[in-house]
Amino acid sequence: MSITLQGAKICEQGVDFAIVIVKEYVLNNQSDSESARQSYRRFFPGMHILLMAQDSRGIPTYSGRRDIVSFLAGISMNRIPWKKFTFSW
């Protein structure tokens, strides 16, 4: 069995984190956001997990550790090394 995720793995100023792209409704519900973040931890062990969704205009919203969210809000989405991750288990 496998799962494919869209996201990025980043190390910035010594902080390792992963961004996973999710649907907008996931970010709009605290319970869904936390559940998603917890489920992705097994794919990115030891990393902070952030979630990202885009609205209908393509504007990103990030959810997760506040300092990382602030950092991401200040950079262009095009600078993030997005890729497709496939995990088997």
C-alpha atoms as a PDB file:
ATOM      1  CA  MET A   1       0.000   0.000   0.000  1.00  0.00           C
ATOM      2  CA  SER A   2       1.267   3.508  -0.752  1.00  0.00           C
ATOM      3  CA  ILE A   3       0.327   7.152  -0.370  1.00  0.00           C
ATOM      4  CA  THR A   4       1.399  10.135  -2.458  1.00  0.00           C
ATOM      5  CA  LEU A   5       1.653  13.612  -0.954  1.00  0.00           C
ATOM      6  CA  GLN A   6       2.489  16.989  -2.466  1.00  0.00           C
ATOM      7  CA  GLY A   7       4.760  19.038  -0.278  1.00  0.00           C
ATOM      8  CA  ALA A   8       8.277  20.102   0.604  1.00  0.00           C
ATOM      9  CA  LYS A   9      11.034  19.299   3.078  1.00  0.00           C
ATOM     10  CA  ILE A  10      13.020  22.318   4.215  1.00  0.00           C
ATOM     11  CA  CYS A  11      15.853  23.123   6.617  1.00  0.00           C
ATOM     12  CA  GLU A  12      15.992  26.828   7.413  1.00  0.00           C
ATOM     13  CA  GLN A  13      18.249  28.268  10.120  1.00  0.00           C
ATOM     14  CA  GLY A  14      18.757  24.803  11.566  1.00  0.00           C
ATOM     15  CA  VAL A  15      15.032  24.013  11.767  1.00  0.00           C
ATOM     16  CA  ASP A  16      13.790  21.004   9.786  1.00  0.00           C
ATOM     17  CA  PHE A  17      10.171  21.101   8.687  1.00  0.00           C
ATOM     18  CA  ALA A  18       7.841  19.600   6.137  1.00  0.00           C
ATOM     19  CA  ILE A  19       4.977  21.310   4.378  1.00  0.00           C
ATOM     20  CA  VAL A  20       2.091  19.152   3.171  1.00  0.00           C
ATOM     21  CA  ILE A  21      -0.481  20.526   0.742  1.00  0.00           C
ATOM     22  CA  VAL A  22      -4.050  19.917   1.918  1.00  0.00           C
ATOM     23  CA  LYS A  23      -7.532  21.022   0.913  1.00  0.00           C
ATOM     24  CA  GLU A  24      -8.678  24.388   2.256  1.00  0.00           C
ATOM     25  CA  TYR A  25     -11.385  22.854   4.452  1.00  0.00           C
ATOM     26  CA  VAL A  26      -8.703  21.020   6.460  1.00  0.00           C
ATOM     27  CA  LEU A  27      -7.182  24.336   7.529  1.00  0.00           C
ATOM     28  CA  ASN A  28     -10.601  25.758   8.347  1.00  0.00           C
ATOM     29  CA  ASN A  29     -11.245  23.108  11.023  1.00  0.00           C
ATOM     30  CA  GLN A  30      -8.901  22.948  14.036  1.00  0.00           C
ATOM     31  CA  SER A  31      -9.662  19.276  14.670  1.00  0.00           C
ATOM     32  CA  ASP A  32      -9.050  18.316  11.025  1.00  0.00           C
ATOM     33  CA  SER A  33      -5.806  20.318  10.962  1.00  0.00           C
ATOM     34  CA  GLU A  34      -4.417  18.659  14.062  1.00  0.00           C
ATOM     35  CA  SER A  35      -5.498  15.210  12.901  1.00  0.00           C
ATOM     36  CA  ALA A  36      -3.832  15.745   9.507  1.00  0.00           C
ATOM     37  CA  ARG A  37      -0.647  17.043  11.118  1.00  0.00           C
ATOM     38  CA  GLN A  38      -0.503  14.000  13.411  1.00  0.00           C
ATOM     39  CA  SER A  39      -1.051  11.556  10.540  1.00  0.00           C
ATOM     40  CA  TYR A  40       1.778  13.092   8.475  1.00  0.00           C
ATOM     41  CA  ARG A  41       4.316  12.851  11.331  1.00  0.00           C
ATOM     42  CA  ARG A  42       5.039   9.206  10.475  1.00  0.00           C
ATOM     43  CA  PHE A  43       6.132  10.218   6.974  1.00  0.00           C
ATOM     44  CA  PHE A  44       8.386  13.036   8.200  1.00  0.00           C
ATOM     45  CA  PRO A  45       9.749  11.825  11.547  1.00  0.00           C
ATOM     46  CA  GLY A  46      11.468  14.404  13.720  1.00  0.00           C
ATOM     47  CA  MET A  47      10.275  17.294  11.566  1.00  0.00           C
ATOM     48  CA  HIS A  48       7.800  20.061  12.320  1.00  0.00           C
ATOM     49  CA  ILE A  49       4.721  19.534  10.149  1.00  0.00           C
ATOM     50  CA  LEU A  50       3.054  22.490   8.468  1.00  0.00           C
ATOM     51  CA  LEU A  51      -0.026  22.378   6.298  1.00  0.00           C
ATOM     52  CA  MET A  52      -0.654  24.588   3.295  1.00  0.00           C
ATOM     53  CA  ALA A  53      -3.825  25.203   1.321  1.00  0.00           C
ATOM     54  CA  GLN A  54      -4.599  27.644  -1.465  1.00  0.00           C
ATOM     55  CA  ASP A  55      -7.792  29.608  -1.851  1.00  0.00           C
ATOM     56  CA  SER A  56      -9.650  29.978  -5.152  1.00  0.00           C
ATOM     57  CA  ARG A  57      -7.223  32.728  -6.211  1.00  0.00           C
ATOM     58  CA  GLY A  58      -4.171  30.564  -5.484  1.00  0.00           C
ATOM     59  CA  ILE A  59      -3.172  32.476  -2.358  1.00  0.00           C
ATOM     60  CA  PRO A  60      -1.525  30.143   0.169  1.00  0.00           C
ATOM     61  CA  THR A  61      -2.400  29.849   3.842  1.00  0.00           C
ATOM     62  CA  TYR A  62      -0.053  27.981   6.173  1.00  0.00           C
ATOM     63  CA  SER A  63      -0.859  26.288   9.469  1.00  0.00           C
ATOM     64  CA  GLY A  64       1.629  25.093  12.070  1.00  0.00           C
ATOM     65  CA  ARG A  65       4.423  26.465  14.200  1.00  0.00           C
ATOM     66  CA  ARG A  66       3.966  30.250  14.268  1.00  0.00           C
ATOM     67  CA  ASP A  67       7.542  31.306  13.573  1.00  0.00           C
ATOM     68  CA  ILE A  68       7.732  29.020  10.549  1.00  0.00           C
ATOM     69  CA  VAL A  69       4.324  30.210   9.296  1.00  0.00           C
ATOM     70  CA  SER A  70       5.570  33.815   9.578  1.00  0.00           C
ATOM     71  CA  PHE A  71       8.716  32.929   7.647  1.00  0.00           C
ATOM     72  CA  LEU A  72       6.725  31.208   4.883  1.00  0.00           C
ATOM     73  CA  ALA A  73       4.247  34.080   4.641  1.00  0.00           C
ATOM     74  CA  GLY A  74       7.155  36.365   3.774  1.00  0.00           C
ATOM     75  CA  ILE A  75       8.468  34.374   0.813  1.00  0.00           C
ATOM     76  CA  SER A  76       7.097  33.519  -2.597  1.00  0.00           C
ATOM     77  CA  MET A  77       5.552  30.068  -2.969  1.00  0.00           C
ATOM     78  CA  ASN A  78       7.764  29.653  -6.038  1.00  0.00           C
ATOM     79  CA  ARG A  79      10.860  29.560  -3.814  1.00  0.00           C
ATOM     80  CA  ILE A  80       9.609  26.471  -1.981  1.00  0.00           C
ATOM     81  CA  PRO A  81      11.017  23.193  -3.380  1.00  0.00           C
ATOM     82  CA  TRP A  82       7.667  21.469  -3.971  1.00  0.00           C
ATOM     83  CA  LYS A  83       7.713  17.829  -4.950  1.00  0.00           C
ATOM     84  CA  LYS A  84       5.651  14.671  -4.927  1.00  0.00           C
ATOM     85  CA  PHE A  85       6.435  12.199  -2.131  1.00  0.00           C
ATOM     86  CA  THR A  86       5.374   8.563  -2.366  1.00  0.00           C
ATOM     87  CA  PHE A  87       5.494   6.424   0.779  1.00  0.00           C
ATOM     88  CA  SER A  88       4.935   2.683   1.008  1.00  0.00           C
ATOM     89  CA  TRP A  89       4.013   0.711   4.084  1.00  0.00           C
END
